[in-house]
Amino acid sequence: MRDLDETDMEILTLLGENARHPFSAIGEVVGLSGPAVSDRVTRLQEVGIINRFTVDVDRSQLHAGIPIFVQVMGADDVDGLKDRVGDADAVEHLFVTADGEIWFYARAQVQNVRRWLDGLLDDDIGYMVTLMDDIEWRPSLDGTEFALTCAECNNTVDSEGRSARLDGQVYHFCCPSCQSRFKERYNRLEEGV
């Protein structure tokens, strides 16, 4: 395990713009060969920084409803509501604010917006709907620094850190002792199940 460098960040930025960029084209931009870019992408996947590649569909081209932005007010069970809203087919982006409000972006049929929301939300939950005129989603890595966090002590994982895969999940550790403590506790919990 080593620290992420500027080249990793550039690769992530280029993949964020278009996940179908050929590795050879990315290599030309970052000064590496295509296979070297492939190796870095594989490493970023193995440590859990890249989780998946996806498609960004412009639903307006498919006439899949109108874009709305909804602010939910008065939810007591934020986690339960978050799960329910997140599972709704029309919801594309879901946000939970620091003070526990839920906001989401969805595409809904014009004549059915209120009926759809009333079916999605409990009767005692208020909401405010904003009709969106233009949407741009621009995920960016600008201004971010990646710092892996130790799963045991929450310290920053540096070049001396380690990673381990337990039951398909990747965990990062700042030192061998944190890795050992985490694995011991993990195994105890597994035995207790």
N, C-alpha and C. Protein backbone atom coordinates (compact mmCIF):
# COMPACT_ATOMS: atom_id res chain seq x y z
N MET A 1 0.85 -1.18 0.00
CA MET A 1 0.00 0.00 0.00
C MET A 1 0.89 1.23 0.00
N ARG A 2 0.58 2.18 -0.87
CA ARG A 2 1.33 3.43 -0.87
C ARG A 2 0.35 4.57 -0.95
N ASP A 3 0.85 5.77 -0.68
CA ASP A 3 -0.03 6.94 -0.75
C ASP A 3 -0.50 7.17 -2.17
N LEU A 4 -1.66 7.78 -2.29
CA LEU A 4 -2.14 8.19 -3.60
C LEU A 4 -1.34 9.41 -4.02
N ASP A 5 -0.98 9.46 -5.27
CA ASP A 5 -0.20 10.60 -5.74
C ASP A 5 -1.00 11.41 -6.76
N GLU A 6 -0.36 12.44 -7.31
CA GLU A 6 -1.05 13.32 -8.27
C GLU A 6 -1.50 12.55 -9.50
N THR A 7 -0.73 11.55 -9.91
CA THR A 7 -1.12 10.76 -11.08
C THR A 7 -2.40 9.99 -10.80
N ASP A 8 -2.51 9.41 -9.60
CA ASP A 8 -3.75 8.72 -9.23
C ASP A 8 -4.93 9.68 -9.28
N MET A 9 -4.73 10.88 -8.74
CA MET A 9 -5.80 11.88 -8.73
C MET A 9 -6.19 12.27 -10.16
N GLU A 10 -5.20 12.42 -11.04
CA GLU A 10 -5.48 12.76 -12.45
C GLU A 10 -6.27 11.64 -13.12
N ILE A 11 -5.87 10.40 -12.86
CA ILE A 11 -6.57 9.24 -13.42
C ILE A 11 -8.02 9.23 -12.94
N LEU A 12 -8.23 9.46 -11.64
CA LEU A 12 -9.58 9.49 -11.09
C LEU A 12 -10.41 10.62 -11.71
N THR A 13 -9.79 11.76 -11.91
CA THR A 13 -10.50 12.89 -12.54
C THR A 13 -10.91 12.54 -13.95
N LEU A 14 -10.01 11.96 -14.73
CA LEU A 14 -10.32 11.59 -16.11
C LEU A 14 -11.40 10.51 -16.17
N LEU A 15 -11.34 9.53 -15.27
CA LEU A 15 -12.38 8.50 -15.22
C LEU A 15 -13.71 9.09 -14.77
N GLY A 16 -13.66 10.10 -13.89
CA GLY A 16 -14.87 10.76 -13.46
C GLY A 16 -15.55 11.51 -14.60
N GLU A 17 -14.75 12.05 -15.50
CA GLU A 17 -15.30 12.75 -16.67
C GLU A 17 -15.88 11.76 -17.67
N ASN A 18 -15.20 10.63 -17.84
CA ASN A 18 -15.67 9.62 -18.78
C ASN A 18 -15.02 8.29 -18.40
N ALA A 19 -15.80 7.42 -17.79
CA ALA A 19 -15.27 6.14 -17.31
C ALA A 19 -14.89 5.21 -18.45
N ARG A 20 -15.23 5.59 -19.69
CA ARG A 20 -14.88 4.74 -20.83
C ARG A 20 -13.62 5.23 -21.56
N HIS A 21 -12.93 6.20 -20.98
CA HIS A 21 -11.66 6.62 -21.58
C HIS A 21 -10.75 5.40 -21.70
N PRO A 22 -10.18 5.17 -22.86
CA PRO A 22 -9.22 4.06 -22.96
C PRO A 22 -8.00 4.35 -22.07
N PHE A 23 -7.45 3.31 -21.47
CA PHE A 23 -6.30 3.49 -20.60
C PHE A 23 -5.13 4.09 -21.37
N SER A 24 -5.01 3.78 -22.65
CA SER A 24 -3.92 4.36 -23.44
C SER A 24 -4.09 5.87 -23.57
N ALA A 25 -5.34 6.34 -23.74
CA ALA A 25 -5.59 7.79 -23.84
C ALA A 25 -5.32 8.47 -22.50
N ILE A 26 -5.72 7.82 -21.41
CA ILE A 26 -5.42 8.37 -20.09
C ILE A 26 -3.91 8.42 -19.88
N GLY A 27 -3.24 7.35 -20.32
CA GLY A 27 -1.78 7.29 -20.19
C GLY A 27 -1.08 8.43 -20.90
N GLU A 28 -1.59 8.83 -22.07
CA GLU A 28 -0.99 9.95 -22.80
C GLU A 28 -1.09 11.24 -21.99
N VAL A 29 -2.21 11.42 -21.29
CA VAL A 29 -2.41 12.64 -20.50
C VAL A 29 -1.53 12.64 -19.25
N VAL A 30 -1.42 11.50 -18.58
CA VAL A 30 -0.71 11.45 -17.30
C VAL A 30 0.75 11.01 -17.44
N GLY A 31 1.17 10.67 -18.65
CA GLY A 31 2.57 10.30 -18.86
C GLY A 31 2.91 8.87 -18.48
N LEU A 32 1.94 7.96 -18.65
CA LEU A 32 2.18 6.54 -18.37
C LEU A 32 1.73 5.71 -19.57
N SER A 33 2.13 4.47 -19.58
CA SER A 33 1.64 3.56 -20.62
C SER A 33 0.23 3.10 -20.25
N GLY A 34 -0.48 2.58 -21.22
CA GLY A 34 -1.81 2.04 -20.97
C GLY A 34 -1.81 0.95 -19.90
N PRO A 35 -0.88 -0.03 -19.98
CA PRO A 35 -0.84 -1.06 -18.94
C PRO A 35 -0.53 -0.50 -17.54
N ALA A 36 0.29 0.55 -17.47
CA ALA A 36 0.58 1.16 -16.17
C ALA A 36 -0.67 1.82 -15.59
N VAL A 37 -1.47 2.45 -16.46
CA VAL A 37 -2.74 3.04 -16.01
C VAL A 37 -3.68 1.93 -15.54
N SER A 38 -3.73 0.84 -16.30
CA SER A 38 -4.57 -0.30 -15.92
C SER A 38 -4.18 -0.83 -14.55
N ASP A 39 -2.87 -0.93 -14.29
CA ASP A 39 -2.40 -1.40 -12.98
C ASP A 39 -2.84 -0.47 -11.86
N ARG A 40 -2.76 0.83 -12.11
CA ARG A 40 -3.17 1.79 -11.08
C ARG A 40 -4.68 1.73 -10.84
N VAL A 41 -5.46 1.60 -11.90
CA VAL A 41 -6.92 1.49 -11.75
C VAL A 41 -7.26 0.23 -10.97
N THR A 42 -6.60 -0.87 -11.27
CA THR A 42 -6.83 -2.11 -10.54
C THR A 42 -6.51 -1.93 -9.07
N ARG A 43 -5.40 -1.25 -8.76
CA ARG A 43 -5.02 -1.01 -7.36
C ARG A 43 -6.06 -0.12 -6.67
N LEU A 44 -6.56 0.91 -7.38
CA LEU A 44 -7.58 1.78 -6.81
C LEU A 44 -8.87 1.01 -6.54
N GLN A 45 -9.16 0.03 -7.37
CA GLN A 45 -10.33 -0.82 -7.13
C GLN A 45 -10.08 -1.73 -5.92
N GLU A 46 -8.90 -2.30 -5.84
CA GLU A 46 -8.59 -3.23 -4.76
C GLU A 46 -8.63 -2.58 -3.39
N VAL A 47 -8.22 -1.30 -3.30
CA VAL A 47 -8.24 -0.62 -2.00
C VAL A 47 -9.58 0.06 -1.73
N GLY A 48 -10.52 -0.06 -2.65
CA GLY A 48 -11.87 0.43 -2.41
C GLY A 48 -12.12 1.89 -2.76
N ILE A 49 -11.19 2.54 -3.45
CA ILE A 49 -11.41 3.93 -3.85
C ILE A 49 -12.33 3.98 -5.06
N ILE A 50 -12.12 3.10 -6.03
CA ILE A 50 -13.05 2.96 -7.14
C ILE A 50 -13.93 1.76 -6.80
N ASN A 51 -15.22 2.01 -6.67
CA ASN A 51 -16.15 0.94 -6.32
C ASN A 51 -16.81 0.32 -7.53
N ARG A 52 -17.09 1.14 -8.53
CA ARG A 52 -17.74 0.62 -9.73
C ARG A 52 -17.67 1.67 -10.82
N PHE A 53 -17.92 1.24 -12.02
CA PHE A 53 -18.05 2.14 -13.16
C PHE A 53 -19.52 2.15 -13.52
N THR A 54 -20.04 3.31 -13.89
CA THR A 54 -21.46 3.41 -14.10
C THR A 54 -21.77 4.22 -15.36
N VAL A 55 -23.03 4.30 -15.67
CA VAL A 55 -23.49 5.05 -16.83
C VAL A 55 -24.30 6.24 -16.33
N ASP A 56 -24.07 7.41 -16.89
CA ASP A 56 -24.83 8.61 -16.55
C ASP A 56 -25.81 8.85 -17.70
N VAL A 57 -27.06 8.45 -17.49
CA VAL A 57 -28.08 8.54 -18.53
C VAL A 57 -28.80 9.88 -18.41
N ASP A 58 -28.93 10.60 -19.53
CA ASP A 58 -29.70 11.83 -19.56
C ASP A 58 -31.16 11.44 -19.75
N ARG A 59 -31.88 11.32 -18.63
CA ARG A 59 -33.25 10.84 -18.68
C ARG A 59 -34.18 11.80 -19.42
N SER A 60 -33.79 13.06 -19.52
CA SER A 60 -34.65 14.00 -20.24
C SER A 60 -34.74 13.61 -21.71
N GLN A 61 -33.72 12.96 -22.22
CA GLN A 61 -33.73 12.49 -23.60
C GLN A 61 -34.67 11.30 -23.77
N LEU A 62 -34.97 10.64 -22.67
CA LEU A 62 -35.83 9.47 -22.71
C LEU A 62 -37.27 9.81 -22.30
N HIS A 63 -37.52 11.07 -22.05
CA HIS A 63 -38.84 11.53 -21.61
C HIS A 63 -39.29 10.76 -20.37
N ALA A 64 -38.40 10.68 -19.40
CA ALA A 64 -38.67 9.89 -18.19
C ALA A 64 -39.17 10.77 -17.06
N GLY A 65 -40.00 11.73 -17.34
CA GLY A 65 -40.56 12.57 -16.30
C GLY A 65 -39.85 13.90 -16.17
N ILE A 66 -40.37 14.73 -15.28
CA ILE A 66 -39.79 16.04 -15.07
C ILE A 66 -38.86 16.01 -13.87
N PRO A 67 -37.79 16.80 -13.90
CA PRO A 67 -36.86 16.81 -12.77
C PRO A 67 -37.42 17.64 -11.62
N ILE A 68 -37.43 17.06 -10.43
CA ILE A 68 -37.87 17.77 -9.23
C ILE A 68 -36.82 17.61 -8.14
N PHE A 69 -36.78 18.62 -7.28
CA PHE A 69 -35.91 18.58 -6.11
C PHE A 69 -36.83 18.69 -4.90
N VAL A 70 -36.72 17.75 -3.97
CA VAL A 70 -37.66 17.67 -2.86
C VAL A 70 -36.91 17.82 -1.54
N GLN A 71 -37.43 18.72 -0.70
CA GLN A 71 -36.94 18.87 0.66
C GLN A 71 -37.98 18.24 1.58
N VAL A 72 -37.55 17.26 2.37
CA VAL A 72 -38.45 16.57 3.29
C VAL A 72 -38.29 17.20 4.66
N MET A 73 -39.42 17.48 5.32
CA MET A 73 -39.39 18.14 6.63
C MET A 73 -40.17 17.32 7.65
N GLY A 74 -39.62 17.20 8.85
CA GLY A 74 -40.35 16.57 9.94
C GLY A 74 -40.25 15.06 10.00
N ALA A 75 -39.20 14.49 9.45
CA ALA A 75 -39.04 13.03 9.52
C ALA A 75 -38.41 12.64 10.86
N ASP A 76 -39.07 11.74 11.58
CA ASP A 76 -38.52 11.25 12.84
C ASP A 76 -37.47 10.16 12.62
N ASP A 77 -37.77 9.23 11.73
CA ASP A 77 -36.87 8.11 11.43
C ASP A 77 -36.11 8.42 10.14
N VAL A 78 -35.06 9.23 10.27
CA VAL A 78 -34.31 9.68 9.09
C VAL A 78 -33.69 8.50 8.35
N ASP A 79 -33.09 7.56 9.08
CA ASP A 79 -32.45 6.42 8.42
C ASP A 79 -33.45 5.55 7.67
N GLY A 80 -34.59 5.27 8.28
CA GLY A 80 -35.62 4.47 7.62
C GLY A 80 -36.17 5.16 6.39
N LEU A 81 -36.41 6.47 6.51
CA LEU A 81 -36.93 7.23 5.37
C LEU A 81 -35.88 7.32 4.26
N LYS A 82 -34.64 7.49 4.66
CA LYS A 82 -33.55 7.55 3.68
C LYS A 82 -33.52 6.26 2.86
N ASP A 83 -33.65 5.12 3.51
CA ASP A 83 -33.65 3.84 2.81
C ASP A 83 -34.85 3.74 1.88
N ARG A 84 -36.02 4.13 2.36
CA ARG A 84 -37.24 4.03 1.55
C ARG A 84 -37.17 4.94 0.34
N VAL A 85 -36.74 6.20 0.53
CA VAL A 85 -36.63 7.14 -0.59
C VAL A 85 -35.54 6.68 -1.56
N GLY A 86 -34.43 6.22 -1.01
CA GLY A 86 -33.32 5.76 -1.87
C GLY A 86 -33.69 4.57 -2.74
N ASP A 87 -34.64 3.76 -2.29
CA ASP A 87 -35.07 2.59 -3.06
C ASP A 87 -36.09 2.93 -4.14
N ALA A 88 -36.64 4.14 -4.11
CA ALA A 88 -37.65 4.52 -5.10
C ALA A 88 -37.00 4.66 -6.48
N ASP A 89 -37.64 4.09 -7.49
CA ASP A 89 -37.08 4.07 -8.84
C ASP A 89 -36.80 5.46 -9.41
N ALA A 90 -37.64 6.43 -9.13
CA ALA A 90 -37.50 7.75 -9.74
C ALA A 90 -36.41 8.60 -9.09
N VAL A 91 -35.91 8.21 -7.92
CA VAL A 91 -34.92 9.00 -7.19
C VAL A 91 -33.53 8.72 -7.75
N GLU A 92 -32.85 9.80 -8.15
CA GLU A 92 -31.51 9.67 -8.72
C GLU A 92 -30.41 10.07 -7.75
N HIS A 93 -30.66 11.08 -6.91
CA HIS A 93 -29.66 11.54 -5.95
C HIS A 93 -30.36 11.79 -4.62
N LEU A 94 -29.71 11.38 -3.55
CA LEU A 94 -30.29 11.50 -2.21
C LEU A 94 -29.25 12.14 -1.30
N PHE A 95 -29.69 13.12 -0.52
CA PHE A 95 -28.79 13.84 0.37
C PHE A 95 -29.40 13.86 1.77
N VAL A 96 -28.56 13.69 2.79
CA VAL A 96 -28.98 13.87 4.17
C VAL A 96 -28.09 14.96 4.74
N THR A 97 -28.71 16.04 5.23
CA THR A 97 -27.94 17.17 5.74
C THR A 97 -27.43 16.87 7.15
N ALA A 98 -26.52 17.69 7.62
CA ALA A 98 -25.94 17.49 8.95
C ALA A 98 -27.00 17.60 10.04
N ASP A 99 -28.06 18.35 9.80
CA ASP A 99 -29.11 18.46 10.82
C ASP A 99 -30.25 17.46 10.59
N GLY A 100 -30.03 16.46 9.74
CA GLY A 100 -30.97 15.36 9.61
C GLY A 100 -32.12 15.57 8.64
N GLU A 101 -32.01 16.54 7.76
CA GLU A 101 -33.04 16.71 6.72
C GLU A 101 -32.68 15.86 5.51
N ILE A 102 -33.70 15.41 4.82
CA ILE A 102 -33.50 14.64 3.60
C ILE A 102 -33.91 15.51 2.42
N TRP A 103 -33.05 15.56 1.43
CA TRP A 103 -33.31 16.23 0.16
C TRP A 103 -33.06 15.19 -0.91
N PHE A 104 -33.85 15.21 -1.97
CA PHE A 104 -33.56 14.29 -3.06
C PHE A 104 -33.98 14.86 -4.40
N TYR A 105 -33.31 14.37 -5.41
CA TYR A 105 -33.57 14.75 -6.79
C TYR A 105 -34.19 13.53 -7.46
N ALA A 106 -35.30 13.77 -8.16
CA ALA A 106 -36.00 12.66 -8.80
C ALA A 106 -36.61 13.14 -10.12
N ARG A 107 -37.08 12.18 -10.88
CA ARG A 107 -37.85 12.48 -12.09
C ARG A 107 -39.22 11.85 -11.91
N ALA A 108 -40.24 12.68 -12.00
CA ALA A 108 -41.59 12.20 -11.73
C ALA A 108 -42.52 12.62 -12.86
N GLN A 109 -43.60 11.89 -13.01
CA GLN A 109 -44.61 12.22 -14.00
C GLN A 109 -45.35 13.48 -13.53
N VAL A 110 -45.58 14.42 -14.43
CA VAL A 110 -46.16 15.71 -14.08
C VAL A 110 -47.47 15.57 -13.32
N GLN A 111 -48.38 14.79 -13.82
CA GLN A 111 -49.70 14.70 -13.20
C GLN A 111 -49.70 13.86 -11.94
N ASN A 112 -48.60 13.20 -11.62
CA ASN A 112 -48.59 12.28 -10.49
C ASN A 112 -47.60 12.64 -9.39
N VAL A 113 -47.02 13.82 -9.41
CA VAL A 113 -45.98 14.17 -8.45
C VAL A 113 -46.51 14.09 -7.01
N ARG A 114 -47.61 14.76 -6.74
CA ARG A 114 -48.14 14.78 -5.38
C ARG A 114 -48.57 13.38 -4.94
N ARG A 115 -49.24 12.65 -5.80
CA ARG A 115 -49.69 11.30 -5.46
C ARG A 115 -48.48 10.39 -5.20
N TRP A 116 -47.46 10.52 -6.04
CA TRP A 116 -46.25 9.71 -5.86
C TRP A 116 -45.58 10.04 -4.53
N LEU A 117 -45.43 11.33 -4.21
CA LEU A 117 -44.80 11.73 -2.95
C LEU A 117 -45.63 11.32 -1.74
N ASP A 118 -46.95 11.45 -1.84
CA ASP A 118 -47.81 11.02 -0.73
C ASP A 118 -47.69 9.52 -0.48
N GLY A 119 -47.49 8.74 -1.52
CA GLY A 119 -47.30 7.30 -1.37
C GLY A 119 -45.93 6.95 -0.83
N LEU A 120 -44.95 7.81 -1.12
CA LEU A 120 -43.57 7.56 -0.70
C LEU A 120 -43.34 7.99 0.75
N LEU A 121 -43.96 9.09 1.16
CA LEU A 121 -43.73 9.68 2.47
C LEU A 121 -44.92 9.43 3.39
N ASP A 122 -44.66 9.34 4.68
CA ASP A 122 -45.74 9.17 5.65
C ASP A 122 -46.61 10.43 5.71
N ASP A 123 -47.84 10.29 6.19
CA ASP A 123 -48.79 11.40 6.24
C ASP A 123 -48.30 12.56 7.09
N ASP A 124 -47.56 12.28 8.16
CA ASP A 124 -47.12 13.35 9.06
C ASP A 124 -45.84 14.04 8.62
N ILE A 125 -45.33 13.69 7.45
CA ILE A 125 -44.09 14.27 6.95
C ILE A 125 -44.42 15.32 5.89
N GLY A 126 -43.87 16.51 6.10
CA GLY A 126 -44.07 17.58 5.12
C GLY A 126 -42.98 17.56 4.07
N TYR A 127 -43.24 18.20 2.96
CA TYR A 127 -42.23 18.30 1.91
C TYR A 127 -42.47 19.55 1.08
N MET A 128 -41.41 19.97 0.42
CA MET A 128 -41.48 21.09 -0.50
C MET A 128 -40.87 20.63 -1.81
N VAL A 129 -41.57 20.86 -2.91
CA VAL A 129 -41.11 20.42 -4.23
C VAL A 129 -40.69 21.63 -5.05
N THR A 130 -39.53 21.52 -5.67
CA THR A 130 -39.05 22.55 -6.59
C THR A 130 -38.90 21.92 -7.96
N LEU A 131 -39.52 22.51 -8.95
CA LEU A 131 -39.40 22.04 -10.33
C LEU A 131 -38.07 22.55 -10.87
N MET A 132 -37.27 21.67 -11.39
CA MET A 132 -35.95 22.04 -11.89
C MET A 132 -36.02 22.39 -13.37
N ASP A 133 -35.33 23.45 -13.75
CA ASP A 133 -35.32 23.89 -15.13
C ASP A 133 -34.14 23.30 -15.89
N ASP A 134 -32.98 23.27 -15.25
CA ASP A 134 -31.78 22.78 -15.91
C ASP A 134 -30.94 22.05 -14.87
N ILE A 135 -30.40 20.93 -15.24
CA ILE A 135 -29.63 20.10 -14.31
C ILE A 135 -28.24 19.87 -14.89
N GLU A 136 -27.22 20.06 -14.06
CA GLU A 136 -25.86 19.66 -14.42
C GLU A 136 -25.27 18.98 -13.21
N TRP A 137 -24.76 17.81 -13.41
CA TRP A 137 -24.12 17.06 -12.33
C TRP A 137 -22.66 16.97 -12.70
N ARG A 138 -21.80 17.59 -11.92
CA ARG A 138 -20.38 17.64 -12.23
C ARG A 138 -19.56 17.15 -11.04
N PRO A 139 -19.50 15.87 -10.85
CA PRO A 139 -18.66 15.38 -9.75
C PRO A 139 -17.22 15.78 -10.01
N SER A 140 -16.57 16.25 -8.99
CA SER A 140 -15.22 16.75 -9.16
C SER A 140 -14.34 16.29 -8.01
N LEU A 141 -13.10 16.10 -8.31
CA LEU A 141 -12.13 15.75 -7.28
C LEU A 141 -11.28 16.95 -6.90
N ASP A 142 -11.56 18.11 -7.52
CA ASP A 142 -10.79 19.30 -7.21
C ASP A 142 -10.94 19.66 -5.74
N GLY A 143 -9.84 20.03 -5.15
CA GLY A 143 -9.87 20.45 -3.75
C GLY A 143 -9.96 19.31 -2.76
N THR A 144 -9.90 18.08 -3.24
CA THR A 144 -9.97 16.95 -2.32
C THR A 144 -8.62 16.28 -2.23
N GLU A 145 -8.37 15.75 -1.11
CA GLU A 145 -7.19 14.92 -0.92
C GLU A 145 -7.69 13.60 -0.39
N PHE A 146 -7.19 12.53 -0.95
CA PHE A 146 -7.59 11.24 -0.45
C PHE A 146 -6.70 10.86 0.71
N ALA A 147 -7.33 10.51 1.77
CA ALA A 147 -6.62 10.01 2.93
C ALA A 147 -7.42 8.81 3.41
N LEU A 148 -6.84 7.66 3.28
CA LEU A 148 -7.50 6.47 3.78
C LEU A 148 -7.47 6.51 5.30
N THR A 149 -8.53 6.05 5.91
CA THR A 149 -8.67 6.10 7.36
C THR A 149 -8.56 4.69 7.93
N CYS A 150 -7.82 4.57 9.00
CA CYS A 150 -7.64 3.28 9.66
C CYS A 150 -8.97 2.80 10.21
N ALA A 151 -9.34 1.57 9.90
CA ALA A 151 -10.60 0.99 10.35
C ALA A 151 -10.62 0.75 11.86
N GLU A 152 -9.47 0.74 12.48
CA GLU A 152 -9.39 0.47 13.92
C GLU A 152 -9.34 1.76 14.74
N CYS A 153 -8.46 2.69 14.38
CA CYS A 153 -8.24 3.86 15.25
C CYS A 153 -8.59 5.20 14.58
N ASN A 154 -8.98 5.17 13.31
CA ASN A 154 -9.35 6.36 12.54
C ASN A 154 -8.19 7.29 12.23
N ASN A 155 -6.96 6.86 12.45
CA ASN A 155 -5.82 7.65 12.02
C ASN A 155 -5.68 7.56 10.50
N THR A 156 -4.90 8.47 9.92
CA THR A 156 -4.65 8.45 8.49
C THR A 156 -3.70 7.31 8.15
N VAL A 157 -4.02 6.59 7.09
CA VAL A 157 -3.18 5.50 6.62
C VAL A 157 -2.17 6.08 5.65
N ASP A 158 -0.89 5.88 5.94
CA ASP A 158 0.15 6.40 5.06
C ASP A 158 0.81 5.26 4.30
N SER A 159 1.98 5.52 3.75
CA SER A 159 2.65 4.52 2.91
C SER A 159 3.03 3.27 3.66
N GLU A 160 3.09 3.32 4.98
CA GLU A 160 3.41 2.13 5.77
C GLU A 160 2.17 1.35 6.17
N GLY A 161 1.00 1.82 5.75
CA GLY A 161 -0.24 1.17 6.10
C GLY A 161 -0.43 -0.17 5.40
N ARG A 162 -1.47 -0.84 5.81
CA ARG A 162 -1.80 -2.16 5.26
C ARG A 162 -3.27 -2.22 4.93
N SER A 163 -3.62 -3.15 4.07
CA SER A 163 -5.03 -3.39 3.73
C SER A 163 -5.32 -4.87 3.89
N ALA A 164 -6.56 -5.17 4.22
CA ALA A 164 -6.98 -6.56 4.35
C ALA A 164 -8.42 -6.67 3.84
N ARG A 165 -8.71 -7.80 3.21
CA ARG A 165 -10.06 -8.07 2.73
C ARG A 165 -10.67 -9.13 3.63
N LEU A 166 -11.79 -8.75 4.27
CA LEU A 166 -12.51 -9.67 5.14
C LEU A 166 -13.93 -9.81 4.62
N ASP A 167 -14.31 -11.02 4.27
CA ASP A 167 -15.64 -11.28 3.71
C ASP A 167 -15.99 -10.35 2.56
N GLY A 168 -15.02 -10.11 1.69
CA GLY A 168 -15.26 -9.31 0.50
C GLY A 168 -15.15 -7.81 0.70
N GLN A 169 -15.01 -7.34 1.93
CA GLN A 169 -14.90 -5.91 2.22
C GLN A 169 -13.44 -5.56 2.47
N VAL A 170 -12.95 -4.44 1.89
CA VAL A 170 -11.58 -4.02 2.07
C VAL A 170 -11.50 -3.07 3.26
N TYR A 171 -10.57 -3.32 4.17
CA TYR A 171 -10.32 -2.48 5.33
C TYR A 171 -8.88 -2.00 5.27
N HIS A 172 -8.65 -0.76 5.72
CA HIS A 172 -7.31 -0.18 5.69
C HIS A 172 -6.86 0.09 7.12
N PHE A 173 -5.55 -0.10 7.37
CA PHE A 173 -5.01 0.04 8.71
C PHE A 173 -3.72 0.85 8.65
N CYS A 174 -3.50 1.67 9.70
CA CYS A 174 -2.30 2.52 9.73
C CYS A 174 -1.06 1.74 10.15
N CYS A 175 -1.25 0.61 10.85
CA CYS A 175 -0.10 -0.15 11.34
C CYS A 175 -0.51 -1.61 11.55
N PRO A 176 0.47 -2.49 11.67
CA PRO A 176 0.16 -3.91 11.88
C PRO A 176 -0.62 -4.18 13.17
N SER A 177 -0.37 -3.40 14.23
CA SER A 177 -1.08 -3.67 15.49
C SER A 177 -2.57 -3.33 15.36
N CYS A 178 -2.91 -2.27 14.64
CA CYS A 178 -4.33 -1.95 14.41
C CYS A 178 -4.98 -3.05 13.58
N GLN A 179 -4.26 -3.53 12.58
CA GLN A 179 -4.80 -4.61 11.75
C GLN A 179 -5.06 -5.85 12.60
N SER A 180 -4.12 -6.19 13.47
CA SER A 180 -4.24 -7.37 14.32
C SER A 180 -5.43 -7.22 15.29
N ARG A 181 -5.54 -6.05 15.95
CA ARG A 181 -6.65 -5.82 16.89
C ARG A 181 -8.00 -5.91 16.17
N PHE A 182 -8.08 -5.31 14.98
CA PHE A 182 -9.33 -5.32 14.22
C PHE A 182 -9.72 -6.75 13.84
N LYS A 183 -8.74 -7.52 13.34
CA LYS A 183 -9.02 -8.90 12.93
C LYS A 183 -9.46 -9.76 14.12
N GLU A 184 -8.82 -9.56 15.27
CA GLU A 184 -9.20 -10.32 16.46
C GLU A 184 -10.64 -10.01 16.85
N ARG A 185 -11.00 -8.72 16.90
CA ARG A 185 -12.36 -8.34 17.25
C ARG A 185 -13.35 -8.84 16.20
N TYR A 186 -12.99 -8.75 14.94
CA TYR A 186 -13.84 -9.23 13.85
C TYR A 186 -14.10 -10.72 13.99
N ASN A 187 -13.05 -11.48 14.27
CA ASN A 187 -13.21 -12.94 14.43
C ASN A 187 -14.06 -13.29 15.64
N ARG A 188 -13.89 -12.54 16.75
CA ARG A 188 -14.72 -12.78 17.94
C ARG A 188 -16.19 -12.53 17.62
N LEU A 189 -16.47 -11.45 16.90
CA LEU A 189 -17.85 -11.15 16.52
C LEU A 189 -18.42 -12.22 15.59
N GLU A 190 -17.61 -12.71 14.67
CA GLU A 190 -18.04 -13.77 13.76
C GLU A 190 -18.38 -15.04 14.52
N GLU A 191 -17.55 -15.37 15.52
CA GLU A 191 -17.79 -16.58 16.31
C GLU A 191 -19.05 -16.45 17.14
N GLY A 192 -19.37 -15.22 17.59
CA GLY A 192 -20.54 -14.99 18.43
C GLY A 192 -21.85 -15.00 17.67
N VAL A 193 -21.79 -14.95 16.36
CA VAL A 193 -23.03 -14.89 15.56
C VAL A 193 -23.72 -16.22 15.50
